[in-house]
Amino acid sequence: MREDMFKVIVERPRCPHSNSYKGDARPFRNSEERPARIGMKDGYGYRKYLNENLAPLKRFLEQQVNRPWNKVYSEIRSAIDARSTVKQHILQHLDNFVAIQTRWEASGTSGRVLLRRSSWSGRYVELAESQAEMFVHPLTGILLRNRFHVSFAKDKDRKRVMMEHEKSRIRRIISDRVQLHLAEQVWYEVTLDTLPPAYAVLREIDGVVKRSMVCDKRWDTLRKTWVTLERKARIPDAGSSQDYYGSETLYALKKRQLNSREIRDYQLNTPQQRQKARKGLLLFLGKAFQPTLIGAAKDKASTLATCKASVSAPSWI
């Protein structure tokens, strides 16, 4: 381990910032509005401070995988003196990457490794549940890599892909103003429109004219509720516009149920599409099958009567 590792990790030079003359003090120190007496550090927005750039420490630990942890820790302590507050700051971050407190749980002829969840928690979890990228094996003392660990970025991407896949099962985006939505196992073509923006209204309250912003409401045909563009408005129980349409400024102006051909053309997957038949068609089908239904009912009634007549009373009555 390099001897100046604590400088690389803990210290950093002045960094530029848009609100602090971008690290350059000359515009302030050379201006006419500066005071008559200024200090050596006046005008510099950001100075050296404790840094959380732990990438060099992480790379060093990754290079020590499959080595005994006692030797790795000895190299770290040979370069870092814990008596210094700045150097002790590095030792406190070892738990961020390496699970040092581990336990072996035997079960029959085999067993499993348990890691302490965090430095402030006394609960031990399995490798798949731990956030540690590396751990010290409790039996051999070797520094190993947690093969079940998933980085925060990859886990975020995986959740995003899963969410998009779930949304694709109930929503298809056709254009900026047309989307397909699955509601109550029925696919609809939803036409979207923009919510009206807020406008100023002058109101007189107790003799004082006050200005307030007002947003008109619109009826959302898909969520079946009133929606508005007001930021502090209560989110409907059905969900927000961002969840449904991907934007807070949109709402469902109208919807139309898709027929079987459109569902087949769009390749929409749904368990059972409940299509609504017209009243005239239902009336026609009822009249067409009415004689058949009446004849079937009469045959069933005569069969039951014959069965009852054939059953004789017991001899002991």
C-alpha atoms as a PDB file:
ATOM      1  CA  MET A   1       0.000   0.000   0.000  1.00  0.00           C
ATOM      2  CA  ARG A   2       1.347   3.397  -0.953  1.00  0.00           C
ATOM      3  CA  GLU A   3       2.498   5.567   1.932  1.00  0.00           C
ATOM      4  CA  ASP A   4       0.581   8.654   0.813  1.00  0.00           C
ATOM      5  CA  MET A   5      -2.741   6.817   0.498  1.00  0.00           C
ATOM      6  CA  PHE A   6      -4.290   8.998   3.208  1.00  0.00           C
ATOM      7  CA  LYS A   7      -3.511  12.113   1.173  1.00  0.00           C
ATOM      8  CA  VAL A   8      -5.102  10.655  -1.940  1.00  0.00           C
ATOM      9  CA  ILE A   9      -8.225   9.603  -0.076  1.00  0.00           C
ATOM     10  CA  VAL A  10      -8.708  12.292   2.565  1.00  0.00           C
ATOM     11  CA  GLU A  11      -7.350  15.505   1.035  1.00  0.00           C
ATOM     12  CA  ARG A  12      -8.230  17.273  -2.176  1.00  0.00           C
ATOM     13  CA  PRO A  13      -7.340  20.687  -3.635  1.00  0.00           C
ATOM     14  CA  ARG A  14      -9.700  23.596  -4.028  1.00  0.00           C
ATOM     15  CA  CYS A  15     -12.534  22.656  -6.347  1.00  0.00           C
ATOM     16  CA  PRO A  16     -14.348  25.117  -8.659  1.00  0.00           C
ATOM     17  CA  HIS A  17     -17.910  26.106  -7.930  1.00  0.00           C
ATOM     18  CA  SER A  18     -20.300  28.373  -9.800  1.00  0.00           C
ATOM     19  CA  ASN A  19     -21.295  30.274  -6.654  1.00  0.00           C
ATOM     20  CA  SER A  20     -17.796  30.911  -5.310  1.00  0.00           C
ATOM     21  CA  TYR A  21     -15.936  32.720  -8.120  1.00  0.00           C
ATOM     22  CA  LYS A  22     -15.060  29.250  -9.503  1.00  0.00           C
ATOM     23  CA  GLY A  23     -12.173  28.908  -7.074  1.00  0.00           C
ATOM     24  CA  ASP A  24     -10.439  32.053  -8.326  1.00  0.00           C
ATOM     25  CA  ALA A  25     -10.212  34.847  -5.754  1.00  0.00           C
ATOM     26  CA  ARG A  26      -8.850  37.503  -8.114  1.00  0.00           C
ATOM     27  CA  PRO A  27     -12.263  38.934  -9.153  1.00  0.00           C
ATOM     28  CA  PHE A  28     -13.070  39.591  -5.498  1.00  0.00           C
ATOM     29  CA  ARG A  29      -9.641  40.648  -4.290  1.00  0.00           C
ATOM     30  CA  ASN A  30      -9.104  43.070  -7.191  1.00  0.00           C
ATOM     31  CA  SER A  31     -12.586  44.585  -7.116  1.00  0.00           C
ATOM     32  CA  GLU A  32     -13.256  48.097  -5.820  1.00  0.00           C
ATOM     33  CA  GLU A  33     -15.941  46.857  -3.442  1.00  0.00           C
ATOM     34  CA  ARG A  34     -13.625  44.732  -1.348  1.00  0.00           C
ATOM     35  CA  PRO A  35     -12.862  45.895   2.200  1.00  0.00           C
ATOM     36  CA  ALA A  36      -9.699  47.782   3.036  1.00  0.00           C
ATOM     37  CA  ARG A  37      -8.231  44.804   4.846  1.00  0.00           C
ATOM     38  CA  ILE A  38      -8.734  41.222   3.763  1.00  0.00           C
ATOM     39  CA  GLY A  39      -7.299  37.935   4.914  1.00  0.00           C
ATOM     40  CA  MET A  40      -5.168  35.526   2.959  1.00  0.00           C
ATOM     41  CA  LYS A  41      -8.087  33.136   2.362  1.00  0.00           C
ATOM     42  CA  ASP A  42     -10.834  35.679   1.637  1.00  0.00           C
ATOM     43  CA  GLY A  43     -12.420  35.241  -1.779  1.00  0.00           C
ATOM     44  CA  TYR A  44     -11.850  31.512  -2.062  1.00  0.00           C
ATOM     45  CA  GLY A  45     -15.181  29.775  -1.871  1.00  0.00           C
ATOM     46  CA  TYR A  46     -13.978  26.218  -1.159  1.00  0.00           C
ATOM     47  CA  ARG A  47     -10.765  25.109   0.513  1.00  0.00           C
ATOM     48  CA  LYS A  48      -9.290  21.718   1.392  1.00  0.00           C
ATOM     49  CA  TYR A  49     -11.656  19.502   3.335  1.00  0.00           C
ATOM     50  CA  LEU A  50     -12.226  15.845   4.200  1.00  0.00           C
ATOM     51  CA  ASN A  51     -12.842  13.905   1.029  1.00  0.00           C
ATOM     52  CA  GLU A  52     -15.002  10.809   0.491  1.00  0.00           C
ATOM     53  CA  ASN A  53     -13.134   9.686  -2.617  1.00  0.00           C
ATOM     54  CA  LEU A  54     -12.801   6.045  -1.621  1.00  0.00           C
ATOM     55  CA  ALA A  55     -12.076   4.690  -5.094  1.00  0.00           C
ATOM     56  CA  PRO A  56      -8.285   4.254  -4.471  1.00  0.00           C
ATOM     57  CA  LEU A  57      -8.992   2.305  -1.273  1.00  0.00           C
ATOM     58  CA  LYS A  58     -11.534   0.128  -3.070  1.00  0.00           C
ATOM     59  CA  ARG A  59      -9.098  -0.647  -5.904  1.00  0.00           C
ATOM     60  CA  PHE A  60      -6.406  -1.589  -3.414  1.00  0.00           C
ATOM     61  CA  LEU A  61      -8.718  -3.997  -1.571  1.00  0.00           C
ATOM     62  CA  GLU A  62      -9.882  -5.587  -4.838  1.00  0.00           C
ATOM     63  CA  GLN A  63      -6.261  -6.312  -5.712  1.00  0.00           C
ATOM     64  CA  GLN A  64      -5.807  -8.137  -2.388  1.00  0.00           C
ATOM     65  CA  VAL A  65      -8.587 -10.696  -2.981  1.00  0.00           C
ATOM     66  CA  ASN A  66      -7.598 -14.333  -2.216  1.00  0.00           C
ATOM     67  CA  ARG A  67      -4.951 -13.182   0.261  1.00  0.00           C
ATOM     68  CA  PRO A  68      -4.999 -13.645   4.057  1.00  0.00           C
ATOM     69  CA  TRP A  69      -6.781 -10.724   5.647  1.00  0.00           C
ATOM     70  CA  ASN A  70      -4.216 -10.463   8.448  1.00  0.00           C
ATOM     71  CA  LYS A  71      -1.455  -9.729   5.937  1.00  0.00           C
ATOM     72  CA  VAL A  72      -3.616  -7.219   4.060  1.00  0.00           C
ATOM     73  CA  TYR A  73      -4.550  -5.427   7.261  1.00  0.00           C
ATOM     74  CA  SER A  74      -0.898  -5.382   8.353  1.00  0.00           C
ATOM     75  CA  GLU A  75       0.076  -3.595   5.141  1.00  0.00           C
ATOM     76  CA  ILE A  76      -2.687  -1.066   5.686  1.00  0.00           C
ATOM     77  CA  ARG A  77      -1.613  -0.382   9.289  1.00  0.00           C
ATOM     78  CA  SER A  78       2.033  -0.073   8.282  1.00  0.00           C
ATOM     79  CA  ALA A  79       1.100   2.900   6.066  1.00  0.00           C
ATOM     80  CA  ILE A  80      -1.695   4.360   8.193  1.00  0.00           C
ATOM     81  CA  ASP A  81      -1.199   5.393  11.797  1.00  0.00           C
ATOM     82  CA  ALA A  82      -4.427   5.268  13.779  1.00  0.00           C
ATOM     83  CA  ARG A  83      -3.154   7.974  16.157  1.00  0.00           C
ATOM     84  CA  SER A  84      -3.767  10.576  13.453  1.00  0.00           C
ATOM     85  CA  THR A  85      -7.358  11.721  13.035  1.00  0.00           C
ATOM     86  CA  VAL A  86      -6.960  12.124   9.285  1.00  0.00           C
ATOM     87  CA  LYS A  87      -5.459   8.653   8.850  1.00  0.00           C
ATOM     88  CA  GLN A  88      -7.975   7.028  11.187  1.00  0.00           C
ATOM     89  CA  HIS A  89     -10.657   8.271   8.813  1.00  0.00           C
ATOM     90  CA  ILE A  90      -9.486   5.622   6.308  1.00  0.00           C
ATOM     91  CA  LEU A  91      -9.740   2.764   8.794  1.00  0.00           C
ATOM     92  CA  GLN A  92     -13.335   3.708   9.518  1.00  0.00           C
ATOM     93  CA  HIS A  93     -14.225   3.155   5.842  1.00  0.00           C
ATOM     94  CA  LEU A  94     -12.894  -0.403   5.616  1.00  0.00           C
ATOM     95  CA  ASP A  95     -16.299  -1.712   6.700  1.00  0.00           C
ATOM     96  CA  ASN A  96     -17.836  -0.096   3.613  1.00  0.00           C
ATOM     97  CA  PHE A  97     -16.171  -2.677   1.358  1.00  0.00           C
ATOM     98  CA  VAL A  98     -15.089  -5.609   3.541  1.00  0.00           C
ATOM     99  CA  ALA A  99     -17.246  -7.551   5.986  1.00  0.00           C
ATOM    100  CA  ILE A 100     -14.715  -8.371   8.692  1.00  0.00           C
ATOM    101  CA  GLN A 101     -17.109  -9.754  11.296  1.00  0.00           C
ATOM    102  CA  THR A 102     -18.270 -13.063   9.840  1.00  0.00           C
ATOM    103  CA  ARG A 103     -19.629 -16.300  11.252  1.00  0.00           C
ATOM    104  CA  TRP A 104     -19.766 -19.929  10.118  1.00  0.00           C
ATOM    105  CA  GLU A 105     -23.073 -21.715  10.632  1.00  0.00           C
ATOM    106  CA  ALA A 106     -22.677 -25.482  10.362  1.00  0.00           C
ATOM    107  CA  SER A 107     -25.565 -27.657   9.236  1.00  0.00           C
ATOM    108  CA  GLY A 108     -24.755 -31.351   9.058  1.00  0.00           C
ATOM    109  CA  THR A 109     -21.806 -32.057   6.787  1.00  0.00           C
ATOM    110  CA  SER A 110     -21.895 -28.545   5.219  1.00  0.00           C
ATOM    111  CA  GLY A 111     -22.526 -24.999   6.328  1.00  0.00           C
ATOM    112  CA  ARG A 112     -22.872 -21.402   5.231  1.00  0.00           C
ATOM    113  CA  VAL A 113     -21.154 -18.086   5.804  1.00  0.00           C
ATOM    114  CA  LEU A 114     -23.027 -15.329   7.634  1.00  0.00           C
ATOM    115  CA  LEU A 115     -21.976 -11.685   7.503  1.00  0.00           C
ATOM    116  CA  ARG A 116     -22.793  -8.931   9.913  1.00  0.00           C
ATOM    117  CA  ARG A 117     -25.269  -6.640   8.190  1.00  0.00           C
ATOM    118  CA  SER A 118     -23.576  -3.401   9.267  1.00  0.00           C
ATOM    119  CA  SER A 119     -21.263  -2.051  11.945  1.00  0.00           C
ATOM    120  CA  TRP A 120     -24.215  -0.711  13.956  1.00  0.00           C
ATOM    121  CA  SER A 121     -26.386  -3.802  13.530  1.00  0.00           C
ATOM    122  CA  GLY A 122     -25.860  -7.063  15.358  1.00  0.00           C
ATOM    123  CA  ARG A 123     -27.878  -9.160  12.906  1.00  0.00           C
ATOM    124  CA  TYR A 124     -26.060 -11.634  10.651  1.00  0.00           C
ATOM    125  CA  VAL A 125     -27.324 -12.281   7.125  1.00  0.00           C
ATOM    126  CA  GLU A 126     -26.388 -14.510   4.202  1.00  0.00           C
ATOM    127  CA  LEU A 127     -24.121 -13.475   1.349  1.00  0.00           C
ATOM    128  CA  ALA A 128     -27.025 -12.745  -0.980  1.00  0.00           C
ATOM    129  CA  GLU A 129     -28.584 -10.313   1.515  1.00  0.00           C
ATOM    130  CA  SER A 130     -25.358  -8.507   2.418  1.00  0.00           C
ATOM    131  CA  GLN A 131     -24.253  -5.284   0.737  1.00  0.00           C
ATOM    132  CA  ALA A 132     -20.555  -6.003   1.283  1.00  0.00           C
ATOM    133  CA  GLU A 133     -18.512  -6.490  -1.869  1.00  0.00           C
ATOM    134  CA  MET A 134     -15.838  -8.547  -0.068  1.00  0.00           C
ATOM    135  CA  PHE A 135     -15.697 -10.559   3.125  1.00  0.00           C
ATOM    136  CA  VAL A 136     -13.247 -12.447   5.314  1.00  0.00           C
ATOM    137  CA  HIS A 137     -13.934 -16.177   5.439  1.00  0.00           C
ATOM    138  CA  PRO A 138     -14.509 -17.177   9.074  1.00  0.00           C
ATOM    139  CA  LEU A 139     -12.631 -20.513   8.766  1.00  0.00           C
ATOM    140  CA  THR A 140      -9.672 -19.715   6.527  1.00  0.00           C
ATOM    141  CA  GLY A 141      -9.321 -15.961   7.114  1.00  0.00           C
ATOM    142  CA  ILE A 142      -8.943 -15.348   3.349  1.00  0.00           C
ATOM    143  CA  LEU A 143     -10.280 -12.162   1.783  1.00  0.00           C
ATOM    144  CA  LEU A 144     -12.888 -13.253  -0.773  1.00  0.00           C
ATOM    145  CA  ARG A 145     -15.236 -11.521  -3.172  1.00  0.00           C
ATOM    146  CA  ASN A 146     -18.981 -11.715  -2.562  1.00  0.00           C
ATOM    147  CA  ARG A 147     -20.232 -13.328  -5.780  1.00  0.00           C
ATOM    148  CA  PHE A 148     -23.834 -12.454  -4.900  1.00  0.00           C
ATOM    149  CA  HIS A 149     -23.150  -8.746  -4.600  1.00  0.00           C
ATOM    150  CA  VAL A 150     -24.878  -6.439  -7.065  1.00  0.00           C
ATOM    151  CA  SER A 151     -23.713  -2.853  -7.328  1.00  0.00           C
ATOM    152  CA  PHE A 152     -26.121  -0.021  -6.737  1.00  0.00           C
ATOM    153  CA  ALA A 153     -25.998   1.079 -10.379  1.00  0.00           C
ATOM    154  CA  LYS A 154     -26.679  -2.429 -11.714  1.00  0.00           C
ATOM    155  CA  ASP A 155     -29.458  -2.974  -9.185  1.00  0.00           C
ATOM    156  CA  LYS A 156     -31.014   0.331 -10.209  1.00  0.00           C
ATOM    157  CA  ASP A 157     -30.831  -0.620 -13.895  1.00  0.00           C
ATOM    158  CA  ARG A 158     -32.320  -4.043 -13.163  1.00  0.00           C
ATOM    159  CA  LYS A 159     -35.237  -2.507 -11.272  1.00  0.00           C
ATOM    160  CA  ARG A 160     -35.755   0.014 -14.074  1.00  0.00           C
ATOM    161  CA  VAL A 161     -35.869  -2.753 -16.694  1.00  0.00           C
ATOM    162  CA  MET A 162     -38.303  -4.768 -14.579  1.00  0.00           C
ATOM    163  CA  MET A 163     -40.520  -1.724 -14.086  1.00  0.00           C
ATOM    164  CA  GLU A 164     -40.515  -0.977 -17.815  1.00  0.00           C
ATOM    165  CA  HIS A 165     -41.395  -4.608 -18.519  1.00  0.00           C
ATOM    166  CA  GLU A 166     -44.300  -4.464 -16.066  1.00  0.00           C
ATOM    167  CA  LYS A 167     -45.507  -1.198 -17.582  1.00  0.00           C
ATOM    168  CA  SER A 168     -45.300  -2.647 -21.099  1.00  0.00           C
ATOM    169  CA  ARG A 169     -47.810  -5.311 -20.060  1.00  0.00           C
ATOM    170  CA  ILE A 170     -50.440  -2.690 -19.243  1.00  0.00           C
ATOM    171  CA  ARG A 171     -49.332   0.277 -21.385  1.00  0.00           C
ATOM    172  CA  ARG A 172     -48.129   0.811 -24.955  1.00  0.00           C
ATOM    173  CA  ILE A 173     -47.020   4.214 -26.211  1.00  0.00           C
ATOM    174  CA  ILE A 174     -48.176   4.817 -29.791  1.00  0.00           C
ATOM    175  CA  SER A 175     -47.415   8.547 -30.088  1.00  0.00           C
ATOM    176  CA  ASP A 176     -47.124  11.652 -27.939  1.00  0.00           C
ATOM    177  CA  ARG A 177     -50.890  11.895 -27.556  1.00  0.00           C
ATOM    178  CA  VAL A 178     -52.055   8.294 -28.040  1.00  0.00           C
ATOM    179  CA  GLN A 179     -51.417   5.364 -25.708  1.00  0.00           C
ATOM    180  CA  LEU A 180     -52.875   1.907 -25.143  1.00  0.00           C
ATOM    181  CA  HIS A 181     -53.857   1.018 -21.586  1.00  0.00           C
ATOM    182  CA  LEU A 182     -55.126  -2.177 -19.988  1.00  0.00           C
ATOM    183  CA  ALA A 183     -57.843  -1.407 -17.435  1.00  0.00           C
ATOM    184  CA  GLU A 184     -59.918  -4.163 -15.814  1.00  0.00           C
ATOM    185  CA  GLN A 185     -58.673  -6.700 -18.411  1.00  0.00           C
ATOM    186  CA  VAL A 186     -59.870  -4.510 -21.285  1.00  0.00           C
ATOM    187  CA  TRP A 187     -57.535  -2.679 -23.681  1.00  0.00           C
ATOM    188  CA  TYR A 188     -58.380   0.954 -24.484  1.00  0.00           C
ATOM    189  CA  GLU A 189     -56.966   3.466 -26.894  1.00  0.00           C
ATOM    190  CA  VAL A 190     -56.470   6.583 -24.769  1.00  0.00           C
ATOM    191  CA  THR A 191     -56.201  10.040 -26.286  1.00  0.00           C
ATOM    192  CA  LEU A 192     -54.153  12.392 -24.096  1.00  0.00           C
ATOM    193  CA  ASP A 193     -54.299  16.125 -23.724  1.00  0.00           C
ATOM    194  CA  THR A 194     -52.317  18.734 -21.806  1.00  0.00           C
ATOM    195  CA  LEU A 195     -53.603  20.050 -18.505  1.00  0.00           C
ATOM    196  CA  PRO A 196     -54.262  23.794 -18.526  1.00  0.00           C
ATOM    197  CA  PRO A 197     -51.510  25.860 -16.916  1.00  0.00           C
ATOM    198  CA  ALA A 198     -52.011  27.921 -13.800  1.00  0.00           C
ATOM    199  CA  TYR A 199     -53.150  31.529 -14.089  1.00  0.00           C
ATOM    200  CA  ALA A 200     -53.193  34.429 -11.646  1.00  0.00           C
ATOM    201  CA  VAL A 201     -56.388  35.556  -9.937  1.00  0.00           C
ATOM    202  CA  LEU A 202     -56.789  38.678  -7.801  1.00  0.00           C
ATOM    203  CA  ARG A 203     -58.987  38.267  -4.747  1.00  0.00           C
ATOM    204  CA  GLU A 204     -59.942  40.767  -2.083  1.00  0.00           C
ATOM    205  CA  ILE A 205     -59.727  39.338   1.422  1.00  0.00           C
ATOM    206  CA  ASP A 206     -60.488  41.624   4.380  1.00  0.00           C
ATOM    207  CA  GLY A 207     -59.968  44.669   2.236  1.00  0.00           C
ATOM    208  CA  VAL A 208     -56.588  43.448   0.965  1.00  0.00           C
ATOM    209  CA  VAL A 209     -56.120  42.396  -2.650  1.00  0.00           C
ATOM    210  CA  LYS A 210     -54.124  39.186  -2.841  1.00  0.00           C
ATOM    211  CA  ARG A 211     -52.801  37.386  -5.874  1.00  0.00           C
ATOM    212  CA  SER A 212     -53.111  33.604  -6.091  1.00  0.00           C
ATOM    213  CA  MET A 213     -52.497  30.973  -8.738  1.00  0.00           C
ATOM    214  CA  VAL A 214     -55.439  28.841  -9.848  1.00  0.00           C
ATOM    215  CA  CYS A 215     -55.465  25.643 -11.926  1.00  0.00           C
ATOM    216  CA  ASP A 216     -58.546  24.392 -13.735  1.00  0.00           C
ATOM    217  CA  LYS A 217     -59.567  20.765 -13.241  1.00  0.00           C
ATOM    218  CA  ARG A 218     -60.091  18.207 -15.976  1.00  0.00           C
ATOM    219  CA  TRP A 219     -61.904  14.856 -15.917  1.00  0.00           C
ATOM    220  CA  ASP A 220     -59.603  11.897 -16.536  1.00  0.00           C
ATOM    221  CA  THR A 221     -61.635   9.243 -18.363  1.00  0.00           C
ATOM    222  CA  LEU A 222     -59.200   6.427 -17.624  1.00  0.00           C
ATOM    223  CA  ARG A 223     -58.693   7.038 -13.914  1.00  0.00           C
ATOM    224  CA  LYS A 224     -62.273   8.329 -13.530  1.00  0.00           C
ATOM    225  CA  THR A 225     -61.313  11.273 -11.341  1.00  0.00           C
ATOM    226  CA  TRP A 226     -60.699  15.010 -11.476  1.00  0.00           C
ATOM    227  CA  VAL A 227     -57.056  16.004 -12.016  1.00  0.00           C
ATOM    228  CA  THR A 228     -55.220  19.302 -11.977  1.00  0.00           C
ATOM    229  CA  LEU A 229     -51.742  20.636 -12.645  1.00  0.00           C
ATOM    230  CA  GLU A 230     -51.424  22.172  -9.200  1.00  0.00           C
ATOM    231  CA  ARG A 231     -48.202  21.057  -7.530  1.00  0.00           C
ATOM    232  CA  LYS A 232     -49.652  20.810  -4.028  1.00  0.00           C
ATOM    233  CA  ALA A 233     -52.786  19.003  -5.195  1.00  0.00           C
ATOM    234  CA  ARG A 234     -53.594  15.667  -3.613  1.00  0.00           C
ATOM    235  CA  ILE A 235     -52.606  12.686  -5.738  1.00  0.00           C
ATOM    236  CA  PRO A 236     -55.704  10.683  -6.779  1.00  0.00           C
ATOM    237  CA  ASP A 237     -56.176   7.230  -5.328  1.00  0.00           C
ATOM    238  CA  ALA A 238     -55.897   5.769  -8.827  1.00  0.00           C
ATOM    239  CA  GLY A 239     -52.319   7.087  -9.206  1.00  0.00           C
ATOM    240  CA  SER A 240     -50.508  10.109 -10.578  1.00  0.00           C
ATOM    241  CA  SER A 241     -50.244  11.207 -14.198  1.00  0.00           C
ATOM    242  CA  GLN A 242     -46.535  10.400 -14.106  1.00  0.00           C
ATOM    243  CA  ASP A 243     -47.280   6.773 -13.266  1.00  0.00           C
ATOM    244  CA  TYR A 244     -49.973   6.411 -15.933  1.00  0.00           C
ATOM    245  CA  TYR A 245     -48.820   8.528 -18.864  1.00  0.00           C
ATOM    246  CA  GLY A 246     -45.174   9.335 -18.106  1.00  0.00           C
ATOM    247  CA  SER A 247     -45.784  13.068 -17.583  1.00  0.00           C
ATOM    248  CA  GLU A 248     -47.476  15.183 -14.920  1.00  0.00           C
ATOM    249  CA  THR A 249     -48.923  17.521 -17.537  1.00  0.00           C
ATOM    250  CA  LEU A 250     -51.067  14.922 -19.359  1.00  0.00           C
ATOM    251  CA  TYR A 251     -54.491  13.464 -18.702  1.00  0.00           C
ATOM    252  CA  ALA A 252     -56.859  11.108 -20.529  1.00  0.00           C
ATOM    253  CA  LEU A 253     -59.208  13.164 -22.672  1.00  0.00           C
ATOM    254  CA  LYS A 254     -61.115  10.193 -24.094  1.00  0.00           C
ATOM    255  CA  LYS A 255     -60.792   6.429 -24.485  1.00  0.00           C
ATOM    256  CA  ARG A 256     -62.003   3.840 -26.952  1.00  0.00           C
ATOM    257  CA  GLN A 257     -62.125   0.082 -26.482  1.00  0.00           C
ATOM    258  CA  LEU A 258     -60.013  -1.924 -28.901  1.00  0.00           C
ATOM    259  CA  ASN A 259     -61.521  -4.696 -30.958  1.00  0.00           C
ATOM    260  CA  SER A 260     -60.054  -8.150 -31.471  1.00  0.00           C
ATOM    261  CA  ARG A 261     -58.353  -7.237 -34.737  1.00  0.00           C
ATOM    262  CA  GLU A 262     -56.562  -4.263 -33.205  1.00  0.00           C
ATOM    263  CA  ILE A 263     -55.466  -6.373 -30.252  1.00  0.00           C
ATOM    264  CA  ARG A 264     -54.042  -8.936 -32.671  1.00  0.00           C
ATOM    265  CA  ASP A 265     -52.316  -6.263 -34.778  1.00  0.00           C
ATOM    266  CA  TYR A 266     -50.686  -4.625 -31.754  1.00  0.00           C
ATOM    267  CA  GLN A 267     -49.736  -8.080 -30.357  1.00  0.00           C
ATOM    268  CA  LEU A 268     -51.217  -7.305 -26.972  1.00  0.00           C
ATOM    269  CA  ASN A 269     -51.115 -10.055 -24.411  1.00  0.00           C
ATOM    270  CA  THR A 270     -54.113 -10.287 -22.126  1.00  0.00           C
ATOM    271  CA  PRO A 271     -55.637 -13.320 -20.347  1.00  0.00           C
ATOM    272  CA  GLN A 272     -59.218 -12.766 -21.487  1.00  0.00           C
ATOM    273  CA  GLN A 273     -60.478  -9.777 -23.389  1.00  0.00           C
ATOM    274  CA  ARG A 274     -63.966  -8.936 -22.206  1.00  0.00           C
ATOM    275  CA  GLN A 275     -65.604  -7.344 -25.223  1.00  0.00           C
ATOM    276  CA  LYS A 276     -68.893  -5.557 -24.708  1.00  0.00           C
ATOM    277  CA  ALA A 277     -71.590  -6.722 -27.142  1.00  0.00           C
ATOM    278  CA  ARG A 278     -74.252  -4.371 -28.427  1.00  0.00           C
ATOM    279  CA  LYS A 279     -77.716  -4.486 -26.926  1.00  0.00           C
ATOM    280  CA  GLY A 280     -79.316  -5.186 -30.301  1.00  0.00           C
ATOM    281  CA  LEU A 281     -77.092  -8.208 -30.806  1.00  0.00           C
ATOM    282  CA  LEU A 282     -77.943  -9.596 -27.371  1.00  0.00           C
ATOM    283  CA  LEU A 283     -81.672  -9.101 -28.056  1.00  0.00           C
ATOM    284  CA  PHE A 284     -81.393 -10.856 -31.423  1.00  0.00           C
ATOM    285  CA  LEU A 285     -79.516 -13.804 -29.910  1.00  0.00           C
ATOM    286  CA  GLY A 286     -82.098 -14.072 -27.116  1.00  0.00           C
ATOM    287  CA  LYS A 287     -85.022 -14.233 -29.544  1.00  0.00           C
ATOM    288  CA  ALA A 288     -83.236 -16.692 -31.839  1.00  0.00           C
ATOM    289  CA  PHE A 289     -82.470 -19.206 -29.075  1.00  0.00           C
ATOM    290  CA  GLN A 290     -85.673 -18.695 -27.071  1.00  0.00           C
ATOM    291  CA  PRO A 291     -87.628 -21.687 -28.589  1.00  0.00           C
ATOM    292  CA  THR A 292     -84.656 -23.999 -28.055  1.00  0.00           C
ATOM    293  CA  LEU A 293     -84.258 -22.919 -24.437  1.00  0.00           C
ATOM    294  CA  ILE A 294     -88.002 -23.329 -23.737  1.00  0.00           C
ATOM    295  CA  GLY A 295     -88.034 -26.836 -25.255  1.00  0.00           C
ATOM    296  CA  ALA A 296     -84.995 -27.858 -23.222  1.00  0.00           C
ATOM    297  CA  ALA A 297     -86.659 -26.605 -20.028  1.00  0.00           C
ATOM    298  CA  LYS A 298     -89.875 -28.590 -20.760  1.00  0.00           C
ATOM    299  CA  ASP A 299     -87.895 -31.795 -21.424  1.00  0.00           C
ATOM    300  CA  LYS A 300     -86.019 -31.359 -18.151  1.00  0.00           C
ATOM    301  CA  ALA A 301     -89.253 -30.821 -16.185  1.00  0.00           C
ATOM    302  CA  SER A 302     -90.924 -33.929 -17.669  1.00  0.00           C
ATOM    303  CA  THR A 303     -87.864 -36.038 -16.892  1.00  0.00           C
ATOM    304  CA  LEU A 304     -87.924 -34.975 -13.231  1.00  0.00           C
ATOM    305  CA  ALA A 305     -91.647 -35.763 -12.956  1.00  0.00           C
ATOM    306  CA  THR A 306     -91.134 -39.246 -14.394  1.00  0.00           C
ATOM    307  CA  CYS A 307     -88.328 -39.957 -11.945  1.00  0.00           C
ATOM    308  CA  LYS A 308     -90.441 -38.898  -8.960  1.00  0.00           C
ATOM    309  CA  ALA A 309     -93.391 -41.102 -10.068  1.00  0.00           C
ATOM    310  CA  SER A 310     -91.172 -44.154 -10.505  1.00  0.00           C
ATOM    311  CA  VAL A 311     -89.902 -43.998  -6.938  1.00  0.00           C
ATOM    312  CA  SER A 312     -92.186 -46.164  -4.762  1.00  0.00           C
ATOM    313  CA  ALA A 313     -92.766 -45.648  -1.045  1.00  0.00           C
ATOM    314  CA  PRO A 314     -90.936 -47.924   1.412  1.00  0.00           C
ATOM    315  CA  SER A 315     -92.744 -51.041   2.705  1.00  0.00           C
ATOM    316  CA  TRP A 316     -92.414 -50.090   6.358  1.00  0.00           C
ATOM    317  CA  ILE A 317     -94.526 -46.889   6.030  1.00  0.00           C
END
